[in-house]
Amino acid sequence: IDKKYKIQILISGVFHPKDTYVKDAIKWILDTMETLNTPIAIILKRGVELEKYIISGSDLFLHIPRPPFEACGTSWMRAGINGVPTLSSRDGGVIEAIIDGYNGWLFGENRMDPYSPYNEESDIVDFYNKLREILELHRNSYKEFLKVGINAIKTIGSLYNSYRMFSEYVFKAYK
């Protein structure tokens, strides 16, 4: 992928200090950065101001928690509301909001049971296949790619907002 497409990868966010899985992943990324043809930036910070810049400068948001441990996630919501489609593993709130190929993309198995066998290799293959498909769409049919971002604004923005949430809670509380 890094030789065929001109992409830049930006990794951002925070992780728990005792999360050795993320620490190992970041170490692996740093160790392999030199062998890739793709520029990679890692920002281990978080905040509304920083996220505004990251999201507004992005074409695609990757949300790849390891299923089934993501409670919901909110960064993909902010991306979608701002017209940036998401490629995500099937976990957390994306299962309810992202319609594959319409307002974002999904990869991997839909695993709800944390004790069921997890085929990580299958998810990785599916991730790369889906990413190639998205990059081809971006390169060869940019208008179609933009439609996915517009659909993200329409669908995610109408579902995940404080006005809808407040109205729904008031209606249910005072019914």
C-alpha atoms as a PDB file:
ATOM      1  CA  ILE A   1       0.000   0.000   0.000  1.00  0.00           C
ATOM      2  CA  ASP A   2       2.729   2.477   0.919  1.00  0.00           C
ATOM      3  CA  LYS A   3       4.373   2.147  -2.519  1.00  0.00           C
ATOM      4  CA  LYS A   4       1.217   2.329  -4.622  1.00  0.00           C
ATOM      5  CA  TYR A   5      -0.572   5.253  -2.946  1.00  0.00           C
ATOM      6  CA  LYS A   6       0.675   8.611  -1.709  1.00  0.00           C
ATOM      7  CA  ILE A   7      -0.543   8.594   1.854  1.00  0.00           C
ATOM      8  CA  GLN A   8       0.539   9.958   5.185  1.00  0.00           C
ATOM      9  CA  ILE A   9      -0.409   8.239   8.410  1.00  0.00           C
ATOM     10  CA  LEU A  10      -1.095  10.190  11.581  1.00  0.00           C
ATOM     11  CA  ILE A  11      -1.534   8.218  14.782  1.00  0.00           C
ATOM     12  CA  SER A  12      -2.940  10.113  17.727  1.00  0.00           C
ATOM     13  CA  GLY A  13      -4.558   9.544  21.074  1.00  0.00           C
ATOM     14  CA  VAL A  14      -3.751   8.525  24.591  1.00  0.00           C
ATOM     15  CA  PHE A  15      -3.515   5.123  26.159  1.00  0.00           C
ATOM     16  CA  HIS A  16      -3.400   3.735  29.669  1.00  0.00           C
ATOM     17  CA  PRO A  17       0.185   3.644  31.013  1.00  0.00           C
ATOM     18  CA  LYS A  18      -0.172  -0.077  31.821  1.00  0.00           C
ATOM     19  CA  ASP A  19      -1.478  -0.961  28.343  1.00  0.00           C
ATOM     20  CA  THR A  20       1.480  -2.998  27.113  1.00  0.00           C
ATOM     21  CA  TYR A  21      -0.303  -3.921  23.865  1.00  0.00           C
ATOM     22  CA  VAL A  22      -0.354  -0.264  22.743  1.00  0.00           C
ATOM     23  CA  LYS A  23       3.192   0.344  23.995  1.00  0.00           C
ATOM     24  CA  ASP A  24       4.429  -2.629  21.961  1.00  0.00           C
ATOM     25  CA  ALA A  25       2.471  -1.484  18.897  1.00  0.00           C
ATOM     26  CA  ILE A  26       3.960   2.026  19.065  1.00  0.00           C
ATOM     27  CA  LYS A  27       7.453   0.590  19.511  1.00  0.00           C
ATOM     28  CA  TRP A  28       6.904  -1.635  16.454  1.00  0.00           C
ATOM     29  CA  ILE A  29       5.666   1.351  14.418  1.00  0.00           C
ATOM     30  CA  LEU A  30       8.677   3.444  15.416  1.00  0.00           C
ATOM     31  CA  ASP A  31      11.041   0.572  14.608  1.00  0.00           C
ATOM     32  CA  THR A  32       9.538  -0.020  11.163  1.00  0.00           C
ATOM     33  CA  MET A  33       8.961   3.614  10.142  1.00  0.00           C
ATOM     34  CA  GLU A  34      12.299   3.799   8.371  1.00  0.00           C
ATOM     35  CA  THR A  35      11.514   0.832   6.132  1.00  0.00           C
ATOM     36  CA  LEU A  36       8.234   2.301   4.914  1.00  0.00           C
ATOM     37  CA  ASN A  37       7.814   4.792   2.099  1.00  0.00           C
ATOM     38  CA  THR A  38       4.952   6.403   3.997  1.00  0.00           C
ATOM     39  CA  PRO A  39       5.444   9.365   6.324  1.00  0.00           C
ATOM     40  CA  ILE A  40       4.083   8.548   9.780  1.00  0.00           C
ATOM     41  CA  ALA A  41       3.453  11.018  12.594  1.00  0.00           C
ATOM     42  CA  ILE A  42       2.613   9.945  16.134  1.00  0.00           C
ATOM     43  CA  ILE A  43       0.924  12.425  18.486  1.00  0.00           C
ATOM     44  CA  LEU A  44       0.367  10.965  21.938  1.00  0.00           C
ATOM     45  CA  LYS A  45      -1.865  13.770  23.115  1.00  0.00           C
ATOM     46  CA  ARG A  46      -5.525  14.508  23.096  1.00  0.00           C
ATOM     47  CA  GLY A  47      -7.779  17.518  23.174  1.00  0.00           C
ATOM     48  CA  VAL A  48     -10.484  19.354  21.304  1.00  0.00           C
ATOM     49  CA  GLU A  49      -8.120  21.897  19.721  1.00  0.00           C
ATOM     50  CA  LEU A  50      -5.729  19.228  18.484  1.00  0.00           C
ATOM     51  CA  GLU A  51      -8.550  17.044  17.183  1.00  0.00           C
ATOM     52  CA  LYS A  52      -9.974  19.958  15.169  1.00  0.00           C
ATOM     53  CA  TYR A  53      -6.746  20.188  13.204  1.00  0.00           C
ATOM     54  CA  ILE A  54      -6.299  16.450  12.827  1.00  0.00           C
ATOM     55  CA  ILE A  55      -9.840  15.799  11.617  1.00  0.00           C
ATOM     56  CA  SER A  56     -10.029  18.811   9.306  1.00  0.00           C
ATOM     57  CA  GLY A  57      -6.812  17.714   7.601  1.00  0.00           C
ATOM     58  CA  SER A  58      -7.851  14.085   7.126  1.00  0.00           C
ATOM     59  CA  ASP A  59      -9.452  12.190   4.267  1.00  0.00           C
ATOM     60  CA  LEU A  60     -10.061   8.971   6.194  1.00  0.00           C
ATOM     61  CA  PHE A  61     -10.332   8.243   9.907  1.00  0.00           C
ATOM     62  CA  LEU A  62      -9.158   4.825  11.123  1.00  0.00           C
ATOM     63  CA  HIS A  63     -10.897   3.530  14.236  1.00  0.00           C
ATOM     64  CA  ILE A  64      -9.452   0.113  14.980  1.00  0.00           C
ATOM     65  CA  PRO A  65     -10.167  -1.050  18.514  1.00  0.00           C
ATOM     66  CA  ARG A  66      -9.741  -4.761  19.100  1.00  0.00           C
ATOM     67  CA  PRO A  67     -13.248  -6.275  19.288  1.00  0.00           C
ATOM     68  CA  PRO A  68     -15.227  -6.590  21.513  1.00  0.00           C
ATOM     69  CA  PHE A  69     -13.734  -4.211  24.070  1.00  0.00           C
ATOM     70  CA  GLU A  70     -14.654  -0.728  22.763  1.00  0.00           C
ATOM     71  CA  ALA A  71     -17.520   0.779  24.733  1.00  0.00           C
ATOM     72  CA  CYS A  72     -18.503   3.267  22.041  1.00  0.00           C
ATOM     73  CA  GLY A  73     -15.781   5.646  20.921  1.00  0.00           C
ATOM     74  CA  THR A  74     -16.397   9.291  20.085  1.00  0.00           C
ATOM     75  CA  SER A  75     -13.547  10.319  17.786  1.00  0.00           C
ATOM     76  CA  TRP A  76     -15.135   8.563  14.812  1.00  0.00           C
ATOM     77  CA  MET A  77     -18.339  10.498  15.549  1.00  0.00           C
ATOM     78  CA  ARG A  78     -16.470  13.818  15.403  1.00  0.00           C
ATOM     79  CA  ALA A  79     -14.816  12.735  12.172  1.00  0.00           C
ATOM     80  CA  GLY A  80     -18.145  11.753  10.599  1.00  0.00           C
ATOM     81  CA  ILE A  81     -19.908  14.932  11.683  1.00  0.00           C
ATOM     82  CA  ASN A  82     -17.097  16.834   9.954  1.00  0.00           C
ATOM     83  CA  GLY A  83     -17.363  14.857   6.723  1.00  0.00           C
ATOM     84  CA  VAL A  84     -14.448  12.494   7.282  1.00  0.00           C
ATOM     85  CA  PRO A  85     -15.549   8.893   6.737  1.00  0.00           C
ATOM     86  CA  THR A  86     -14.287   6.167   9.062  1.00  0.00           C
ATOM     87  CA  LEU A  87     -12.807   2.743   8.416  1.00  0.00           C
ATOM     88  CA  SER A  88     -13.445   0.776  11.594  1.00  0.00           C
ATOM     89  CA  SER A  89     -13.356  -2.654  13.130  1.00  0.00           C
ATOM     90  CA  ARG A  90     -16.833  -3.901  14.013  1.00  0.00           C
ATOM     91  CA  ASP A  91     -16.869  -2.792  17.614  1.00  0.00           C
ATOM     92  CA  GLY A  92     -18.551  -0.242  19.836  1.00  0.00           C
ATOM     93  CA  GLY A  93     -20.939   2.377  18.512  1.00  0.00           C
ATOM     94  CA  VAL A  94     -19.853   2.078  14.882  1.00  0.00           C
ATOM     95  CA  ILE A  95     -21.922  -1.097  14.573  1.00  0.00           C
ATOM     96  CA  GLU A  96     -25.070   0.993  15.090  1.00  0.00           C
ATOM     97  CA  ALA A  97     -24.010   3.983  12.986  1.00  0.00           C
ATOM     98  CA  ILE A  98     -21.765   3.033  10.082  1.00  0.00           C
ATOM     99  CA  ILE A  99     -23.380   1.501   7.022  1.00  0.00           C
ATOM    100  CA  ASP A 100     -20.523  -0.164   5.166  1.00  0.00           C
ATOM    101  CA  GLY A 101     -19.792   1.701   1.938  1.00  0.00           C
ATOM    102  CA  TYR A 102     -22.471   4.355   2.535  1.00  0.00           C
ATOM    103  CA  ASN A 103     -21.239   6.589   5.370  1.00  0.00           C
ATOM    104  CA  GLY A 104     -17.989   4.803   6.223  1.00  0.00           C
ATOM    105  CA  TRP A 105     -16.516   1.326   6.037  1.00  0.00           C
ATOM    106  CA  LEU A 106     -16.313  -1.684   8.342  1.00  0.00           C
ATOM    107  CA  PHE A 107     -13.918  -4.610   8.387  1.00  0.00           C
ATOM    108  CA  GLY A 108     -13.548  -7.821  10.339  1.00  0.00           C
ATOM    109  CA  GLU A 109     -15.972 -10.111  12.083  1.00  0.00           C
ATOM    110  CA  ASN A 110     -18.866  -8.866  14.175  1.00  0.00           C
ATOM    111  CA  ARG A 111     -17.730 -10.330  17.513  1.00  0.00           C
ATOM    112  CA  MET A 112     -19.894  -9.661  20.534  1.00  0.00           C
ATOM    113  CA  ASP A 113     -18.619 -12.453  22.794  1.00  0.00           C
ATOM    114  CA  PRO A 114     -15.228 -11.631  24.358  1.00  0.00           C
ATOM    115  CA  TYR A 115     -14.598 -15.355  24.913  1.00  0.00           C
ATOM    116  CA  SER A 116     -15.205 -16.455  21.334  1.00  0.00           C
ATOM    117  CA  PRO A 117     -12.107 -17.269  19.279  1.00  0.00           C
ATOM    118  CA  TYR A 118     -10.622 -14.218  17.616  1.00  0.00           C
ATOM    119  CA  ASN A 119      -8.987 -14.564  14.224  1.00  0.00           C
ATOM    120  CA  GLU A 120      -6.696 -11.539  14.177  1.00  0.00           C
ATOM    121  CA  GLU A 121      -5.057 -12.553  10.888  1.00  0.00           C
ATOM    122  CA  SER A 122      -8.431 -12.636   9.152  1.00  0.00           C
ATOM    123  CA  ASP A 123      -9.236  -9.133  10.461  1.00  0.00           C
ATOM    124  CA  ILE A 124      -5.847  -7.821   9.295  1.00  0.00           C
ATOM    125  CA  VAL A 125      -6.348  -9.225   5.788  1.00  0.00           C
ATOM    126  CA  ASP A 126      -9.865  -7.770   5.693  1.00  0.00           C
ATOM    127  CA  PHE A 127      -8.539  -4.390   6.917  1.00  0.00           C
ATOM    128  CA  TYR A 128      -5.936  -4.162   4.150  1.00  0.00           C
ATOM    129  CA  ASN A 129      -8.395  -5.294   1.478  1.00  0.00           C
ATOM    130  CA  LYS A 130     -10.910  -2.672   2.587  1.00  0.00           C
ATOM    131  CA  LEU A 131      -8.207   0.015   2.818  1.00  0.00           C
ATOM    132  CA  ARG A 132      -7.064  -0.758  -0.741  1.00  0.00           C
ATOM    133  CA  GLU A 133     -10.673  -0.518  -1.921  1.00  0.00           C
ATOM    134  CA  ILE A 134     -11.063   2.886  -0.220  1.00  0.00           C
ATOM    135  CA  LEU A 135      -7.767   4.205  -1.597  1.00  0.00           C
ATOM    136  CA  GLU A 136      -8.782   3.108  -5.105  1.00  0.00           C
ATOM    137  CA  LEU A 137     -12.107   4.908  -4.694  1.00  0.00           C
ATOM    138  CA  HIS A 138     -10.292   8.022  -3.450  1.00  0.00           C
ATOM    139  CA  ARG A 139      -7.915   7.976  -6.398  1.00  0.00           C
ATOM    140  CA  ASN A 140     -10.216   6.880  -9.235  1.00  0.00           C
ATOM    141  CA  SER A 141     -13.644   8.159  -8.225  1.00  0.00           C
ATOM    142  CA  TYR A 142     -13.134  11.050  -5.831  1.00  0.00           C
ATOM    143  CA  LYS A 143     -16.747  12.257  -6.173  1.00  0.00           C
ATOM    144  CA  GLU A 144     -17.972   8.860  -4.967  1.00  0.00           C
ATOM    145  CA  PHE A 145     -15.502   9.017  -2.078  1.00  0.00           C
ATOM    146  CA  LEU A 146     -16.821  12.478  -1.150  1.00  0.00           C
ATOM    147  CA  LYS A 147     -20.389  11.136  -1.164  1.00  0.00           C
ATOM    148  CA  VAL A 148     -19.417   8.776   1.654  1.00  0.00           C
ATOM    149  CA  GLY A 149     -18.217  11.786   3.688  1.00  0.00           C
ATOM    150  CA  ILE A 150     -21.418  13.698   2.924  1.00  0.00           C
ATOM    151  CA  ASN A 151     -23.479  10.677   3.972  1.00  0.00           C
ATOM    152  CA  ALA A 152     -21.465  10.545   7.209  1.00  0.00           C
ATOM    153  CA  ILE A 153     -22.456  14.155   7.948  1.00  0.00           C
ATOM    154  CA  LYS A 154     -26.116  13.415   7.215  1.00  0.00           C
ATOM    155  CA  THR A 155     -26.418  10.174   9.164  1.00  0.00           C
ATOM    156  CA  ILE A 156     -23.935  10.447  12.023  1.00  0.00           C
ATOM    157  CA  GLY A 157     -24.582  14.154  12.586  1.00  0.00           C
ATOM    158  CA  SER A 158     -28.315  13.578  12.904  1.00  0.00           C
ATOM    159  CA  LEU A 159     -27.937  10.683  15.353  1.00  0.00           C
ATOM    160  CA  TYR A 160     -25.043  11.714  17.563  1.00  0.00           C
ATOM    161  CA  ASN A 161     -25.710  15.234  18.781  1.00  0.00           C
ATOM    162  CA  SER A 162     -26.689  16.819  22.068  1.00  0.00           C
ATOM    163  CA  TYR A 163     -29.991  18.233  20.733  1.00  0.00           C
ATOM    164  CA  ARG A 164     -31.302  14.784  19.790  1.00  0.00           C
ATOM    165  CA  MET A 165     -30.024  13.263  23.009  1.00  0.00           C
ATOM    166  CA  PHE A 166     -31.561  15.974  25.215  1.00  0.00           C
ATOM    167  CA  SER A 167     -34.902  15.879  23.353  1.00  0.00           C
ATOM    168  CA  GLU A 168     -35.070  12.103  23.662  1.00  0.00           C
ATOM    169  CA  TYR A 169     -34.244  12.131  27.372  1.00  0.00           C
ATOM    170  CA  VAL A 170     -36.790  14.877  28.143  1.00  0.00           C
ATOM    171  CA  PHE A 171     -39.483  13.034  26.186  1.00  0.00           C
ATOM    172  CA  LYS A 172     -38.788   9.763  28.008  1.00  0.00           C
ATOM    173  CA  ALA A 173     -38.450  11.375  31.446  1.00  0.00           C
ATOM    174  CA  TYR A 174     -41.681  13.392  31.268  1.00  0.00           C
ATOM    175  CA  LYS A 175     -43.834  11.029  29.220  1.00  0.00           C
END
